């Protein structure tokens, strides 16, 4: 049996599968906030235990584990270092504790977006050798495949496209401290603050509860077509998302860009349709197909399982039996 883990800034998922990749047990829970990195590690271990219990097995019967995680990563240490969107967690050990839990060295750590592109290629009947998986969720990141090769970078942090500065003098600050990053404008974590900034600068009338603690990105999308400020924010998000994706196109020349993450999955018409309309005017090269991932919320955990099944490569020719 194999296990896959999706460690996100908001949610944590774990699954256990058989040798064909069929899910035998799963667990989902919230990612701990303001409890420290070790608390997140313990939650990952507890999720794996719960998925094993649901599968009617024990952790020591797991052959290999793949992990798709938020970053930044320190792949040499098998840990997450200073994640932007998990409050109070400076370092999250992953590989070593999971190896101890399953009594196996076969534990493979990837950036979550890299796990996403592994899933897109591993499970599809046909997938281009040049493609990108883009996640627009609590944060923004990309998994990039060029000439059939996953671009991981020496430390596992290639594809941190959300920290590209689209407006270095912009009015919003990213969770990492940078100014005008794509993620600062368009991620689920930062859309509420961007809405407040636009309201303060432009004085647009609104019924959005800007001062409420529970005000979130979902409220902006839900008010589309009914609230002037919501419509203005969505127009600006379309602008920044289009320029961010144009940057991906110019850097990597993908044939396909598959998009996932909660913001995109829950609002595909408002997120993707404006990009499709604007992109031809923003790129000097071929315009890729922009599509919503067919694997939904499970894409990262599916990519993690694919990694476990193939010794971390995602190459079907290396499936363990």
C-alpha atoms as a PDB file:
ATOM      1  CA  UNK A   1       0.000   0.000   0.000  1.00  0.00           C
ATOM      2  CA  UNK A   2       0.953   3.638  -0.539  1.00  0.00           C
ATOM      3  CA  UNK A   3       0.106   6.900   1.183  1.00  0.00           C
ATOM      4  CA  UNK A   4      -0.156  10.458  -0.024  1.00  0.00           C
ATOM      5  CA  UNK A   5      -0.264  13.679   1.997  1.00  0.00           C
ATOM      6  CA  UNK A   6      -1.423  17.129   0.923  1.00  0.00           C
ATOM      7  CA  UNK A   7      -0.250  19.713   3.441  1.00  0.00           C
ATOM      8  CA  UNK A   8      -1.938  22.995   2.588  1.00  0.00           C
ATOM      9  CA  UNK A   9      -2.065  26.283   4.430  1.00  0.00           C
ATOM     10  CA  UNK A  10      -5.746  25.745   5.255  1.00  0.00           C
ATOM     11  CA  UNK A  11      -6.391  22.013   5.019  1.00  0.00           C
ATOM     12  CA  UNK A  12      -4.448  18.781   5.411  1.00  0.00           C
ATOM     13  CA  UNK A  13      -5.378  15.574   3.579  1.00  0.00           C
ATOM     14  CA  UNK A  14      -4.009  12.044   3.722  1.00  0.00           C
ATOM     15  CA  UNK A  15      -4.975   8.946   1.732  1.00  0.00           C
ATOM     16  CA  UNK A  16      -3.940   5.288   1.686  1.00  0.00           C
ATOM     17  CA  UNK A  17      -4.161   3.376  -1.592  1.00  0.00           C
ATOM     18  CA  UNK A  18      -3.575  -0.088  -2.969  1.00  0.00           C
ATOM     19  CA  UNK A  19      -0.957  -0.880  -5.630  1.00  0.00           C
ATOM     20  CA  UNK A  20      -3.340   0.322  -8.365  1.00  0.00           C
ATOM     21  CA  UNK A  21      -3.815   3.678  -6.689  1.00  0.00           C
ATOM     22  CA  UNK A  22      -7.362   2.963  -5.512  1.00  0.00           C
ATOM     23  CA  UNK A  23      -8.128   4.852  -2.303  1.00  0.00           C
ATOM     24  CA  UNK A  24      -8.711   2.540   0.664  1.00  0.00           C
ATOM     25  CA  UNK A  25      -8.878   5.169   3.410  1.00  0.00           C
ATOM     26  CA  UNK A  26      -8.653   8.927   3.792  1.00  0.00           C
ATOM     27  CA  UNK A  27      -8.540  11.704   6.359  1.00  0.00           C
ATOM     28  CA  UNK A  28      -9.050  15.464   6.131  1.00  0.00           C
ATOM     29  CA  UNK A  29      -8.560  18.083   8.829  1.00  0.00           C
ATOM     30  CA  UNK A  30      -7.619  21.738   9.275  1.00  0.00           C
ATOM     31  CA  UNK A  31      -3.951  22.721   9.282  1.00  0.00           C
ATOM     32  CA  UNK A  32      -3.037  23.948  12.798  1.00  0.00           C
ATOM     33  CA  UNK A  33      -2.496  27.694  13.099  1.00  0.00           C
ATOM     34  CA  UNK A  34      -0.547  29.527  15.814  1.00  0.00           C
ATOM     35  CA  UNK A  35       0.518  26.241  17.410  1.00  0.00           C
ATOM     36  CA  UNK A  36       4.056  25.936  16.048  1.00  0.00           C
ATOM     37  CA  UNK A  37       5.647  23.761  13.392  1.00  0.00           C
ATOM     38  CA  UNK A  38       5.771  20.606  15.504  1.00  0.00           C
ATOM     39  CA  UNK A  39       1.990  20.778  15.943  1.00  0.00           C
ATOM     40  CA  UNK A  40       1.656  20.716  12.150  1.00  0.00           C
ATOM     41  CA  UNK A  41       4.019  17.735  11.974  1.00  0.00           C
ATOM     42  CA  UNK A  42       1.961  15.893  14.580  1.00  0.00           C
ATOM     43  CA  UNK A  43      -1.201  16.653  12.647  1.00  0.00           C
ATOM     44  CA  UNK A  44       0.335  15.130   9.505  1.00  0.00           C
ATOM     45  CA  UNK A  45       1.229  11.983  11.457  1.00  0.00           C
ATOM     46  CA  UNK A  46      -2.249  11.819  12.987  1.00  0.00           C
ATOM     47  CA  UNK A  47      -3.837  12.193   9.542  1.00  0.00           C
ATOM     48  CA  UNK A  48      -1.753   9.305   8.218  1.00  0.00           C
ATOM     49  CA  UNK A  49      -2.725   7.155  11.211  1.00  0.00           C
ATOM     50  CA  UNK A  50      -6.399   7.979  10.664  1.00  0.00           C
ATOM     51  CA  UNK A  51      -6.208   7.194   6.925  1.00  0.00           C
ATOM     52  CA  UNK A  52      -4.542   3.866   7.723  1.00  0.00           C
ATOM     53  CA  UNK A  53      -7.243   3.063  10.275  1.00  0.00           C
ATOM     54  CA  UNK A  54      -9.931   3.887   7.707  1.00  0.00           C
ATOM     55  CA  UNK A  55      -8.150   1.534   5.290  1.00  0.00           C
ATOM     56  CA  UNK A  56      -8.060  -1.241   7.894  1.00  0.00           C
ATOM     57  CA  UNK A  57      -4.283  -1.285   8.058  1.00  0.00           C
ATOM     58  CA  UNK A  58      -1.353   0.030  10.088  1.00  0.00           C
ATOM     59  CA  UNK A  59       1.260   2.632   9.270  1.00  0.00           C
ATOM     60  CA  UNK A  60       4.115   0.104   9.129  1.00  0.00           C
ATOM     61  CA  UNK A  61       2.428  -1.686   6.219  1.00  0.00           C
ATOM     62  CA  UNK A  62       2.827   1.389   3.999  1.00  0.00           C
ATOM     63  CA  UNK A  63       5.473   0.843   1.324  1.00  0.00           C
ATOM     64  CA  UNK A  64       6.097   4.493   0.446  1.00  0.00           C
ATOM     65  CA  UNK A  65       4.699   7.954   1.118  1.00  0.00           C
ATOM     66  CA  UNK A  66       4.539  11.016  -1.103  1.00  0.00           C
ATOM     67  CA  UNK A  67       4.043  14.472   0.389  1.00  0.00           C
ATOM     68  CA  UNK A  68       2.875  17.563  -1.480  1.00  0.00           C
ATOM     69  CA  UNK A  69       3.405  20.566   0.768  1.00  0.00           C
ATOM     70  CA  UNK A  70       3.265  24.294   0.957  1.00  0.00           C
ATOM     71  CA  UNK A  71       6.684  25.910   0.849  1.00  0.00           C
ATOM     72  CA  UNK A  72       9.323  27.110   1.017  1.00  0.00           C
ATOM     73  CA  UNK A  73      10.955  23.699   1.302  1.00  0.00           C
ATOM     74  CA  UNK A  74      14.310  22.553   2.561  1.00  0.00           C
ATOM     75  CA  UNK A  75      14.398  19.249   0.714  1.00  0.00           C
ATOM     76  CA  UNK A  76      17.814  18.336   2.129  1.00  0.00           C
ATOM     77  CA  UNK A  77      16.346  18.493   5.640  1.00  0.00           C
ATOM     78  CA  UNK A  78      12.930  17.211   4.555  1.00  0.00           C
ATOM     79  CA  UNK A  79      11.134  20.177   6.087  1.00  0.00           C
ATOM     80  CA  UNK A  80       9.112  23.312   5.396  1.00  0.00           C
ATOM     81  CA  UNK A  81      10.908  26.509   6.369  1.00  0.00           C
ATOM     82  CA  UNK A  82       9.025  29.669   7.394  1.00  0.00           C
ATOM     83  CA  UNK A  83       5.784  29.064   5.486  1.00  0.00           C
ATOM     84  CA  UNK A  84       4.060  32.286   4.544  1.00  0.00           C
ATOM     85  CA  UNK A  85       0.459  31.246   5.190  1.00  0.00           C
ATOM     86  CA  UNK A  86       0.701  29.090   8.346  1.00  0.00           C
ATOM     87  CA  UNK A  87       0.778  31.396  11.337  1.00  0.00           C
ATOM     88  CA  UNK A  88       3.233  30.576  14.094  1.00  0.00           C
ATOM     89  CA  UNK A  89       5.087  27.810  12.232  1.00  0.00           C
ATOM     90  CA  UNK A  90       8.728  28.611  11.515  1.00  0.00           C
ATOM     91  CA  UNK A  91       9.850  25.070  10.669  1.00  0.00           C
ATOM     92  CA  UNK A  92       7.758  21.949   9.941  1.00  0.00           C
ATOM     93  CA  UNK A  93       9.754  18.670   9.900  1.00  0.00           C
ATOM     94  CA  UNK A  94       8.123  16.169   7.560  1.00  0.00           C
ATOM     95  CA  UNK A  95      10.289  13.515   5.939  1.00  0.00           C
ATOM     96  CA  UNK A  96      12.078  12.198   9.048  1.00  0.00           C
ATOM     97  CA  UNK A  97       8.968  11.918  11.240  1.00  0.00           C
ATOM     98  CA  UNK A  98       6.992  10.232   8.457  1.00  0.00           C
ATOM     99  CA  UNK A  99       9.855   7.796   7.792  1.00  0.00           C
ATOM    100  CA  UNK A 100       9.792   6.866  11.477  1.00  0.00           C
ATOM    101  CA  UNK A 101       6.017   6.446  11.424  1.00  0.00           C
ATOM    102  CA  UNK A 102       5.927   4.075   8.444  1.00  0.00           C
ATOM    103  CA  UNK A 103       9.316   2.471   9.128  1.00  0.00           C
ATOM    104  CA  UNK A 104      10.527   3.166   5.594  1.00  0.00           C
ATOM    105  CA  UNK A 105      13.031   5.497   3.938  1.00  0.00           C
ATOM    106  CA  UNK A 106      10.752   5.784   0.899  1.00  0.00           C
ATOM    107  CA  UNK A 107       9.238   9.192   1.711  1.00  0.00           C
ATOM    108  CA  UNK A 108       9.247  11.812  -1.063  1.00  0.00           C
ATOM    109  CA  UNK A 109       8.669  15.532  -0.459  1.00  0.00           C
ATOM    110  CA  UNK A 110       7.491  17.911  -3.182  1.00  0.00           C
ATOM    111  CA  UNK A 111       6.173  21.426  -3.382  1.00  0.00           C
ATOM    112  CA  UNK A 112       2.378  21.087  -3.575  1.00  0.00           C
ATOM    113  CA  UNK A 113       2.156  22.570  -7.063  1.00  0.00           C
ATOM    114  CA  UNK A 114       4.857  20.161  -8.267  1.00  0.00           C
ATOM    115  CA  UNK A 115       2.756  17.322  -6.868  1.00  0.00           C
ATOM    116  CA  UNK A 116      -0.138  18.793  -8.836  1.00  0.00           C
ATOM    117  CA  UNK A 117       1.692  18.640 -12.154  1.00  0.00           C
ATOM    118  CA  UNK A 118       2.783  15.059 -11.331  1.00  0.00           C
ATOM    119  CA  UNK A 119      -0.906  14.183 -10.954  1.00  0.00           C
ATOM    120  CA  UNK A 120      -1.841  15.872 -14.230  1.00  0.00           C
ATOM    121  CA  UNK A 121       0.744  13.836 -16.111  1.00  0.00           C
ATOM    122  CA  UNK A 122       0.506  10.525 -14.229  1.00  0.00           C
ATOM    123  CA  UNK A 123      -3.251   9.998 -14.386  1.00  0.00           C
ATOM    124  CA  UNK A 124      -4.067  11.511 -17.778  1.00  0.00           C
ATOM    125  CA  UNK A 125      -4.425   9.298 -20.841  1.00  0.00           C
ATOM    126  CA  UNK A 126      -2.339  11.863 -22.683  1.00  0.00           C
ATOM    127  CA  UNK A 127      -0.469  14.862 -21.289  1.00  0.00           C
ATOM    128  CA  UNK A 128       1.863  17.298 -23.054  1.00  0.00           C
ATOM    129  CA  UNK A 129       5.559  17.287 -22.171  1.00  0.00           C
ATOM    130  CA  UNK A 130       5.338  21.045 -21.692  1.00  0.00           C
ATOM    131  CA  UNK A 131       2.674  21.988 -19.189  1.00  0.00           C
ATOM    132  CA  UNK A 132       2.073  23.867 -15.959  1.00  0.00           C
ATOM    133  CA  UNK A 133      -0.180  23.219 -13.010  1.00  0.00           C
ATOM    134  CA  UNK A 134      -1.109  26.530 -11.390  1.00  0.00           C
ATOM    135  CA  UNK A 135      -2.753  26.715  -7.979  1.00  0.00           C
ATOM    136  CA  UNK A 136      -4.690  29.805  -6.913  1.00  0.00           C
ATOM    137  CA  UNK A 137      -5.658  29.138  -3.335  1.00  0.00           C
ATOM    138  CA  UNK A 138      -4.479  30.463   0.042  1.00  0.00           C
ATOM    139  CA  UNK A 139      -1.274  31.118  -1.901  1.00  0.00           C
ATOM    140  CA  UNK A 140      -0.249  30.960  -5.560  1.00  0.00           C
ATOM    141  CA  UNK A 141       2.317  28.557  -7.007  1.00  0.00           C
ATOM    142  CA  UNK A 142       3.137  26.560 -10.117  1.00  0.00           C
ATOM    143  CA  UNK A 143       4.389  23.112 -10.957  1.00  0.00           C
ATOM    144  CA  UNK A 144       6.299  23.255 -14.235  1.00  0.00           C
ATOM    145  CA  UNK A 145       7.128  20.462 -16.657  1.00  0.00           C
ATOM    146  CA  UNK A 146       9.431  21.318 -19.583  1.00  0.00           C
ATOM    147  CA  UNK A 147      10.452  18.774 -22.246  1.00  0.00           C
ATOM    148  CA  UNK A 148       8.927  16.070 -20.064  1.00  0.00           C
ATOM    149  CA  UNK A 149      11.029  16.996 -17.020  1.00  0.00           C
ATOM    150  CA  UNK A 150       9.636  18.319 -13.750  1.00  0.00           C
ATOM    151  CA  UNK A 151      11.458  21.501 -12.714  1.00  0.00           C
ATOM    152  CA  UNK A 152      12.042  21.186  -8.991  1.00  0.00           C
ATOM    153  CA  UNK A 153      15.132  23.320  -8.459  1.00  0.00           C
ATOM    154  CA  UNK A 154      18.076  22.354  -6.289  1.00  0.00           C
ATOM    155  CA  UNK A 155      16.124  22.936  -3.071  1.00  0.00           C
ATOM    156  CA  UNK A 156      12.649  21.976  -4.296  1.00  0.00           C
ATOM    157  CA  UNK A 157      11.415  25.557  -4.627  1.00  0.00           C
ATOM    158  CA  UNK A 158      11.196  26.100  -8.392  1.00  0.00           C
ATOM    159  CA  UNK A 159       7.813  27.420  -9.449  1.00  0.00           C
ATOM    160  CA  UNK A 160       7.191  29.890  -6.599  1.00  0.00           C
ATOM    161  CA  UNK A 161       5.513  32.058  -9.200  1.00  0.00           C
ATOM    162  CA  UNK A 162       3.218  33.707  -6.658  1.00  0.00           C
ATOM    163  CA  UNK A 163       6.170  35.779  -5.466  1.00  0.00           C
ATOM    164  CA  UNK A 164       6.821  37.347  -8.841  1.00  0.00           C
ATOM    165  CA  UNK A 165       6.444  41.115  -8.399  1.00  0.00           C
ATOM    166  CA  UNK A 166       3.770  42.254 -10.847  1.00  0.00           C
ATOM    167  CA  UNK A 167       3.857  45.784  -9.426  1.00  0.00           C
ATOM    168  CA  UNK A 168       6.938  46.489  -7.312  1.00  0.00           C
ATOM    169  CA  UNK A 169       5.428  49.790  -6.167  1.00  0.00           C
ATOM    170  CA  UNK A 170       1.996  48.303  -5.649  1.00  0.00           C
ATOM    171  CA  UNK A 171      -0.265  49.042  -2.704  1.00  0.00           C
ATOM    172  CA  UNK A 172      -0.328  45.547  -1.217  1.00  0.00           C
ATOM    173  CA  UNK A 173       2.232  43.525   0.721  1.00  0.00           C
ATOM    174  CA  UNK A 174       2.611  39.762   0.405  1.00  0.00           C
ATOM    175  CA  UNK A 175       2.705  37.501   3.438  1.00  0.00           C
ATOM    176  CA  UNK A 176       6.414  37.007   2.726  1.00  0.00           C
ATOM    177  CA  UNK A 177       6.981  40.759   3.149  1.00  0.00           C
ATOM    178  CA  UNK A 178       7.473  41.549  -0.541  1.00  0.00           C
ATOM    179  CA  UNK A 179       5.548  44.333  -2.274  1.00  0.00           C
ATOM    180  CA  UNK A 180       3.172  43.878  -5.179  1.00  0.00           C
ATOM    181  CA  UNK A 181       3.578  40.120  -5.548  1.00  0.00           C
ATOM    182  CA  UNK A 182       0.979  38.209  -7.600  1.00  0.00           C
ATOM    183  CA  UNK A 183       0.009  36.339  -4.430  1.00  0.00           C
ATOM    184  CA  UNK A 184      -0.500  39.647  -2.582  1.00  0.00           C
ATOM    185  CA  UNK A 185      -3.205  40.642  -5.051  1.00  0.00           C
ATOM    186  CA  UNK A 186      -4.932  37.409  -6.004  1.00  0.00           C
ATOM    187  CA  UNK A 187      -4.561  34.669  -3.381  1.00  0.00           C
ATOM    188  CA  UNK A 188      -7.493  33.726  -1.185  1.00  0.00           C
ATOM    189  CA  UNK A 189      -5.538  34.841   1.852  1.00  0.00           C
ATOM    190  CA  UNK A 190      -4.947  38.345   0.498  1.00  0.00           C
ATOM    191  CA  UNK A 191      -8.020  39.221  -1.574  1.00  0.00           C
ATOM    192  CA  UNK A 192      -9.874  40.668   1.463  1.00  0.00           C
ATOM    193  CA  UNK A 193      -7.071  43.130   2.209  1.00  0.00           C
ATOM    194  CA  UNK A 194      -6.818  44.080  -1.470  1.00  0.00           C
ATOM    195  CA  UNK A 195     -10.566  44.802  -1.439  1.00  0.00           C
ATOM    196  CA  UNK A 196     -10.060  47.126   1.536  1.00  0.00           C
ATOM    197  CA  UNK A 197      -7.178  48.879  -0.240  1.00  0.00           C
ATOM    198  CA  UNK A 198      -9.270  49.483  -3.370  1.00  0.00           C
ATOM    199  CA  UNK A 199     -12.161  50.747  -1.256  1.00  0.00           C
ATOM    200  CA  UNK A 200      -9.922  53.185   0.608  1.00  0.00           C
ATOM    201  CA  UNK A 201      -8.241  54.449  -2.566  1.00  0.00           C
ATOM    202  CA  UNK A 202     -11.257  54.691  -4.857  1.00  0.00           C
ATOM    203  CA  UNK A 203     -14.151  55.218  -2.437  1.00  0.00           C
ATOM    204  CA  UNK A 204     -16.427  52.755  -4.222  1.00  0.00           C
ATOM    205  CA  UNK A 205     -19.779  52.092  -2.561  1.00  0.00           C
ATOM    206  CA  UNK A 206     -20.166  48.623  -1.144  1.00  0.00           C
ATOM    207  CA  UNK A 207     -22.245  46.383   1.069  1.00  0.00           C
ATOM    208  CA  UNK A 208     -19.297  44.067   1.648  1.00  0.00           C
ATOM    209  CA  UNK A 209     -18.521  43.669   5.384  1.00  0.00           C
ATOM    210  CA  UNK A 210     -14.979  45.009   5.046  1.00  0.00           C
ATOM    211  CA  UNK A 211     -14.487  45.569   8.776  1.00  0.00           C
ATOM    212  CA  UNK A 212     -15.732  42.152   9.859  1.00  0.00           C
ATOM    213  CA  UNK A 213     -13.175  39.623  11.073  1.00  0.00           C
ATOM    214  CA  UNK A 214     -14.904  36.901   9.053  1.00  0.00           C
ATOM    215  CA  UNK A 215     -14.754  38.876   5.777  1.00  0.00           C
ATOM    216  CA  UNK A 216     -13.086  36.599   3.230  1.00  0.00           C
ATOM    217  CA  UNK A 217     -12.466  36.130  -0.467  1.00  0.00           C
ATOM    218  CA  UNK A 218     -15.654  34.088  -0.904  1.00  0.00           C
ATOM    219  CA  UNK A 219     -17.787  37.127  -0.055  1.00  0.00           C
ATOM    220  CA  UNK A 220     -16.209  39.091  -2.911  1.00  0.00           C
ATOM    221  CA  UNK A 221     -16.989  36.389  -5.468  1.00  0.00           C
ATOM    222  CA  UNK A 222     -20.509  35.855  -4.112  1.00  0.00           C
ATOM    223  CA  UNK A 223     -21.271  39.560  -4.593  1.00  0.00           C
ATOM    224  CA  UNK A 224     -20.226  39.594  -8.265  1.00  0.00           C
ATOM    225  CA  UNK A 225     -22.731  41.508 -10.385  1.00  0.00           C
ATOM    226  CA  UNK A 226     -24.482  42.935  -7.307  1.00  0.00           C
ATOM    227  CA  UNK A 227     -21.855  45.061  -5.574  1.00  0.00           C
ATOM    228  CA  UNK A 228     -19.778  47.802  -7.258  1.00  0.00           C
ATOM    229  CA  UNK A 229     -16.702  47.179  -5.106  1.00  0.00           C
ATOM    230  CA  UNK A 230     -16.833  43.413  -5.644  1.00  0.00           C
ATOM    231  CA  UNK A 231     -16.988  43.964  -9.402  1.00  0.00           C
ATOM    232  CA  UNK A 232     -14.051  46.375  -9.286  1.00  0.00           C
ATOM    233  CA  UNK A 233     -11.968  43.946  -7.222  1.00  0.00           C
ATOM    234  CA  UNK A 234     -12.748  41.084  -9.613  1.00  0.00           C
ATOM    235  CA  UNK A 235     -11.761  43.262 -12.576  1.00  0.00           C
ATOM    236  CA  UNK A 236      -8.391  43.948 -10.934  1.00  0.00           C
ATOM    237  CA  UNK A 237      -7.920  40.264 -10.065  1.00  0.00           C
ATOM    238  CA  UNK A 238      -8.517  39.414 -13.720  1.00  0.00           C
ATOM    239  CA  UNK A 239      -5.871  41.977 -14.686  1.00  0.00           C
ATOM    240  CA  UNK A 240      -3.236  40.609 -12.305  1.00  0.00           C
ATOM    241  CA  UNK A 241      -4.031  36.939 -12.976  1.00  0.00           C
ATOM    242  CA  UNK A 242      -3.724  37.548 -16.709  1.00  0.00           C
ATOM    243  CA  UNK A 243      -0.346  39.226 -16.296  1.00  0.00           C
ATOM    244  CA  UNK A 244       0.850  36.494 -13.940  1.00  0.00           C
ATOM    245  CA  UNK A 245      -0.129  33.763 -16.366  1.00  0.00           C
ATOM    246  CA  UNK A 246       1.462  35.703 -19.225  1.00  0.00           C
ATOM    247  CA  UNK A 247       4.688  35.619 -17.202  1.00  0.00           C
ATOM    248  CA  UNK A 248       4.400  31.822 -16.967  1.00  0.00           C
ATOM    249  CA  UNK A 249       3.840  31.587 -20.728  1.00  0.00           C
ATOM    250  CA  UNK A 250       6.871  33.713 -21.527  1.00  0.00           C
ATOM    251  CA  UNK A 251       9.080  31.823 -19.073  1.00  0.00           C
ATOM    252  CA  UNK A 252       8.123  28.229 -19.903  1.00  0.00           C
ATOM    253  CA  UNK A 253       6.087  28.125 -23.143  1.00  0.00           C
ATOM    254  CA  UNK A 254       3.584  25.512 -21.918  1.00  0.00           C
ATOM    255  CA  UNK A 255       1.063  23.897 -24.229  1.00  0.00           C
ATOM    256  CA  UNK A 256      -1.423  23.599 -21.374  1.00  0.00           C
ATOM    257  CA  UNK A 257      -1.924  25.389 -18.073  1.00  0.00           C
ATOM    258  CA  UNK A 258      -4.131  23.419 -15.716  1.00  0.00           C
ATOM    259  CA  UNK A 259      -5.511  25.506 -12.859  1.00  0.00           C
ATOM    260  CA  UNK A 260      -6.629  24.371  -9.419  1.00  0.00           C
ATOM    261  CA  UNK A 261      -6.796  25.661  -5.864  1.00  0.00           C
ATOM    262  CA  UNK A 262      -9.892  26.739  -3.969  1.00  0.00           C
ATOM    263  CA  UNK A 263     -10.164  30.223  -5.479  1.00  0.00           C
ATOM    264  CA  UNK A 264     -10.165  28.873  -9.040  1.00  0.00           C
ATOM    265  CA  UNK A 265     -12.118  25.682  -8.363  1.00  0.00           C
ATOM    266  CA  UNK A 266     -14.957  27.546  -6.657  1.00  0.00           C
ATOM    267  CA  UNK A 267     -15.124  30.407  -9.163  1.00  0.00           C
ATOM    268  CA  UNK A 268     -13.928  29.153 -12.564  1.00  0.00           C
ATOM    269  CA  UNK A 269     -15.987  31.550 -14.693  1.00  0.00           C
ATOM    270  CA  UNK A 270     -14.864  34.591 -12.719  1.00  0.00           C
ATOM    271  CA  UNK A 271     -11.213  33.504 -12.514  1.00  0.00           C
ATOM    272  CA  UNK A 272     -10.425  31.703 -15.776  1.00  0.00           C
ATOM    273  CA  UNK A 273     -12.759  33.193 -18.392  1.00  0.00           C
ATOM    274  CA  UNK A 274     -11.282  36.725 -18.068  1.00  0.00           C
ATOM    275  CA  UNK A 275      -7.766  35.305 -18.426  1.00  0.00           C
ATOM    276  CA  UNK A 276      -8.709  33.435 -21.593  1.00  0.00           C
ATOM    277  CA  UNK A 277     -10.074  36.676 -23.036  1.00  0.00           C
ATOM    278  CA  UNK A 278      -7.048  38.825 -22.171  1.00  0.00           C
ATOM    279  CA  UNK A 279      -4.111  36.469 -22.640  1.00  0.00           C
ATOM    280  CA  UNK A 280      -3.817  36.685 -26.457  1.00  0.00           C
ATOM    281  CA  UNK A 281      -3.111  40.413 -26.134  1.00  0.00           C
ATOM    282  CA  UNK A 282      -0.439  39.911 -23.458  1.00  0.00           C
ATOM    283  CA  UNK A 283       1.863  37.243 -24.900  1.00  0.00           C
ATOM    284  CA  UNK A 284       4.229  37.276 -27.860  1.00  0.00           C
ATOM    285  CA  UNK A 285       4.368  33.473 -28.139  1.00  0.00           C
ATOM    286  CA  UNK A 286       1.769  30.740 -28.534  1.00  0.00           C
ATOM    287  CA  UNK A 287      -1.292  30.986 -26.288  1.00  0.00           C
ATOM    288  CA  UNK A 288      -1.707  27.818 -24.197  1.00  0.00           C
ATOM    289  CA  UNK A 289      -4.925  26.045 -23.364  1.00  0.00           C
ATOM    290  CA  UNK A 290      -6.170  27.314 -19.975  1.00  0.00           C
ATOM    291  CA  UNK A 291      -8.270  24.657 -18.268  1.00  0.00           C
ATOM    292  CA  UNK A 292      -9.624  23.840 -14.833  1.00  0.00           C
ATOM    293  CA  UNK A 293      -8.058  20.689 -13.395  1.00  0.00           C
ATOM    294  CA  UNK A 294     -10.347  17.684 -13.527  1.00  0.00           C
ATOM    295  CA  UNK A 295      -8.963  16.338 -10.236  1.00  0.00           C
ATOM    296  CA  UNK A 296     -10.447  19.036  -8.005  1.00  0.00           C
ATOM    297  CA  UNK A 297      -9.360  19.221  -4.375  1.00  0.00           C
ATOM    298  CA  UNK A 298      -7.638  15.833  -4.649  1.00  0.00           C
ATOM    299  CA  UNK A 299      -5.023  16.865  -7.193  1.00  0.00           C
ATOM    300  CA  UNK A 300      -2.129  17.364  -4.762  1.00  0.00           C
ATOM    301  CA  UNK A 301      -2.796  14.212  -2.760  1.00  0.00           C
ATOM    302  CA  UNK A 302      -3.165  12.242  -6.015  1.00  0.00           C
ATOM    303  CA  UNK A 303       0.204  13.582  -7.156  1.00  0.00           C
ATOM    304  CA  UNK A 304       1.687  12.631  -3.807  1.00  0.00           C
ATOM    305  CA  UNK A 305       0.441   9.057  -4.272  1.00  0.00           C
ATOM    306  CA  UNK A 306       1.886   9.002  -7.798  1.00  0.00           C
ATOM    307  CA  UNK A 307       5.220  10.061  -6.305  1.00  0.00           C
ATOM    308  CA  UNK A 308       5.030   7.275  -3.715  1.00  0.00           C
ATOM    309  CA  UNK A 309       4.260   4.705  -6.395  1.00  0.00           C
ATOM    310  CA  UNK A 310       7.171   5.763  -8.634  1.00  0.00           C
ATOM    311  CA  UNK A 311      10.017   6.458  -6.194  1.00  0.00           C
ATOM    312  CA  UNK A 312       9.395  10.183  -6.323  1.00  0.00           C
ATOM    313  CA  UNK A 313       9.532  10.576 -10.112  1.00  0.00           C
ATOM    314  CA  UNK A 314       5.955  10.408 -11.357  1.00  0.00           C
ATOM    315  CA  UNK A 315       7.273   8.196 -14.179  1.00  0.00           C
ATOM    316  CA  UNK A 316       4.779   5.402 -14.918  1.00  0.00           C
ATOM    317  CA  UNK A 317       7.618   3.182 -15.983  1.00  0.00           C
ATOM    318  CA  UNK A 318       8.897   3.128 -12.396  1.00  0.00           C
ATOM    319  CA  UNK A 319       5.717   1.966 -10.643  1.00  0.00           C
ATOM    320  CA  UNK A 320       6.538  -0.261  -7.671  1.00  0.00           C
ATOM    321  CA  UNK A 321       4.845  -3.644  -7.470  1.00  0.00           C
END
